[in-house]
């Protein structure tokens, strides 16, 4: 039986978004990357979207974990 997740099918996965960020960063750091100036704006938009997808996914996981075990700082008062 396959376990279902809370991630909507339309949501980009964290791994895919992280990979996209790495691809863009690698391309921009590459020698001769000045040649990519024509695609810089598109790369920045894609990187921003991928970053937001990663952030949203991490936030969702944090909320899910907090629901299961409680916030990380809840045990600090004990």
C-alpha atoms as a PDB file:
ATOM      1  CA  UNK A   1       0.000   0.000   0.000  1.00  0.00           C
ATOM      2  CA  UNK A   2       1.337   3.441  -0.922  1.00  0.00           C
ATOM      3  CA  UNK A   3       1.420   6.118   1.747  1.00  0.00           C
ATOM      4  CA  UNK A   4      -0.144   9.403   0.711  1.00  0.00           C
ATOM      5  CA  UNK A   5       1.315  12.784   1.520  1.00  0.00           C
ATOM      6  CA  UNK A   6      -0.184  16.177   2.206  1.00  0.00           C
ATOM      7  CA  UNK A   7       1.592  17.680  -0.815  1.00  0.00           C
ATOM      8  CA  UNK A   8      -0.804  18.680  -3.596  1.00  0.00           C
ATOM      9  CA  UNK A   9       0.106  17.141  -6.964  1.00  0.00           C
ATOM     10  CA  UNK A  10       0.566  20.619  -8.435  1.00  0.00           C
ATOM     11  CA  UNK A  11       3.159  21.551  -5.814  1.00  0.00           C
ATOM     12  CA  UNK A  12       6.772  21.393  -6.877  1.00  0.00           C
ATOM     13  CA  UNK A  13       8.737  18.985  -4.702  1.00  0.00           C
ATOM     14  CA  UNK A  14      11.479  20.266  -2.452  1.00  0.00           C
ATOM     15  CA  UNK A  15      14.069  18.133  -4.241  1.00  0.00           C
ATOM     16  CA  UNK A  16      13.092  19.462  -7.667  1.00  0.00           C
ATOM     17  CA  UNK A  17      13.112  23.073  -6.489  1.00  0.00           C
ATOM     18  CA  UNK A  18      16.458  22.619  -4.721  1.00  0.00           C
ATOM     19  CA  UNK A  19      17.939  21.023  -7.826  1.00  0.00           C
ATOM     20  CA  UNK A  20      16.701  23.953  -9.927  1.00  0.00           C
ATOM     21  CA  UNK A  21      18.371  26.410  -7.530  1.00  0.00           C
ATOM     22  CA  UNK A  22      21.635  24.479  -7.789  1.00  0.00           C
ATOM     23  CA  UNK A  23      21.460  24.381 -11.585  1.00  0.00           C
ATOM     24  CA  UNK A  24      20.964  28.137 -11.792  1.00  0.00           C
ATOM     25  CA  UNK A  25      23.739  28.842  -9.278  1.00  0.00           C
ATOM     26  CA  UNK A  26      26.155  26.538 -11.103  1.00  0.00           C
ATOM     27  CA  UNK A  27      25.400  28.167 -14.438  1.00  0.00           C
ATOM     28  CA  UNK A  28      25.861  31.673 -13.022  1.00  0.00           C
ATOM     29  CA  UNK A  29      29.169  30.747 -11.340  1.00  0.00           C
ATOM     30  CA  UNK A  30      30.587  29.064 -14.444  1.00  0.00           C
ATOM     31  CA  UNK A  31      33.523  30.673 -16.235  1.00  0.00           C
ATOM     32  CA  UNK A  32      32.218  32.842 -19.035  1.00  0.00           C
ATOM     33  CA  UNK A  33      28.852  33.197 -17.328  1.00  0.00           C
ATOM     34  CA  UNK A  34      28.682  36.782 -18.579  1.00  0.00           C
ATOM     35  CA  UNK A  35      27.256  35.188 -21.705  1.00  0.00           C
ATOM     36  CA  UNK A  36      24.148  34.380 -19.647  1.00  0.00           C
ATOM     37  CA  UNK A  37      23.310  38.053 -19.159  1.00  0.00           C
ATOM     38  CA  UNK A  38      20.530  37.654 -21.713  1.00  0.00           C
ATOM     39  CA  UNK A  39      18.823  35.101 -19.489  1.00  0.00           C
ATOM     40  CA  UNK A  40      19.665  36.681 -16.136  1.00  0.00           C
ATOM     41  CA  UNK A  41      16.189  38.079 -15.436  1.00  0.00           C
ATOM     42  CA  UNK A  42      14.559  34.744 -16.271  1.00  0.00           C
ATOM     43  CA  UNK A  43      17.100  32.913 -14.104  1.00  0.00           C
ATOM     44  CA  UNK A  44      16.438  35.260 -11.182  1.00  0.00           C
ATOM     45  CA  UNK A  45      12.679  34.693 -11.514  1.00  0.00           C
ATOM     46  CA  UNK A  46      13.149  30.921 -11.694  1.00  0.00           C
ATOM     47  CA  UNK A  47      15.508  30.978  -8.701  1.00  0.00           C
ATOM     48  CA  UNK A  48      13.069  33.100  -6.692  1.00  0.00           C
ATOM     49  CA  UNK A  49      10.233  30.682  -7.479  1.00  0.00           C
ATOM     50  CA  UNK A  50      12.367  27.650  -6.610  1.00  0.00           C
ATOM     51  CA  UNK A  51      13.500  29.298  -3.359  1.00  0.00           C
ATOM     52  CA  UNK A  52       9.885  30.036  -2.433  1.00  0.00           C
ATOM     53  CA  UNK A  53       8.898  26.431  -3.180  1.00  0.00           C
ATOM     54  CA  UNK A  54      11.692  25.190  -0.893  1.00  0.00           C
ATOM     55  CA  UNK A  55      10.737  27.639   1.852  1.00  0.00           C
ATOM     56  CA  UNK A  56       7.043  26.774   1.612  1.00  0.00           C
ATOM     57  CA  UNK A  57       7.801  23.059   1.792  1.00  0.00           C
ATOM     58  CA  UNK A  58      10.100  23.464   4.800  1.00  0.00           C
ATOM     59  CA  UNK A  59       7.471  25.593   6.554  1.00  0.00           C
ATOM     60  CA  UNK A  60       4.797  22.962   5.839  1.00  0.00           C
ATOM     61  CA  UNK A  61       6.998  20.178   7.195  1.00  0.00           C
ATOM     62  CA  UNK A  62       7.810  22.255  10.291  1.00  0.00           C
ATOM     63  CA  UNK A  63       4.079  22.769  10.940  1.00  0.00           C
ATOM     64  CA  UNK A  64       3.401  19.066  10.395  1.00  0.00           C
ATOM     65  CA  UNK A  65       6.143  18.068  12.837  1.00  0.00           C
ATOM     66  CA  UNK A  66       4.949  20.630  15.378  1.00  0.00           C
ATOM     67  CA  UNK A  67       1.484  19.062  15.207  1.00  0.00           C
ATOM     68  CA  UNK A  68       2.952  15.616  15.831  1.00  0.00           C
ATOM     69  CA  UNK A  69       5.440  16.382  18.605  1.00  0.00           C
ATOM     70  CA  UNK A  70       4.842  19.996  19.525  1.00  0.00           C
ATOM     71  CA  UNK A  71       6.988  23.062  18.907  1.00  0.00           C
ATOM     72  CA  UNK A  72      10.724  22.673  19.535  1.00  0.00           C
ATOM     73  CA  UNK A  73      10.708  25.257  22.320  1.00  0.00           C
ATOM     74  CA  UNK A  74       7.735  23.696  24.181  1.00  0.00           C
ATOM     75  CA  UNK A  75      10.017  21.413  26.206  1.00  0.00           C
ATOM     76  CA  UNK A  76      12.344  24.242  27.210  1.00  0.00           C
ATOM     77  CA  UNK A  77      10.066  25.255  30.081  1.00  0.00           C
ATOM     78  CA  UNK A  78       9.982  21.751  31.587  1.00  0.00           C
END
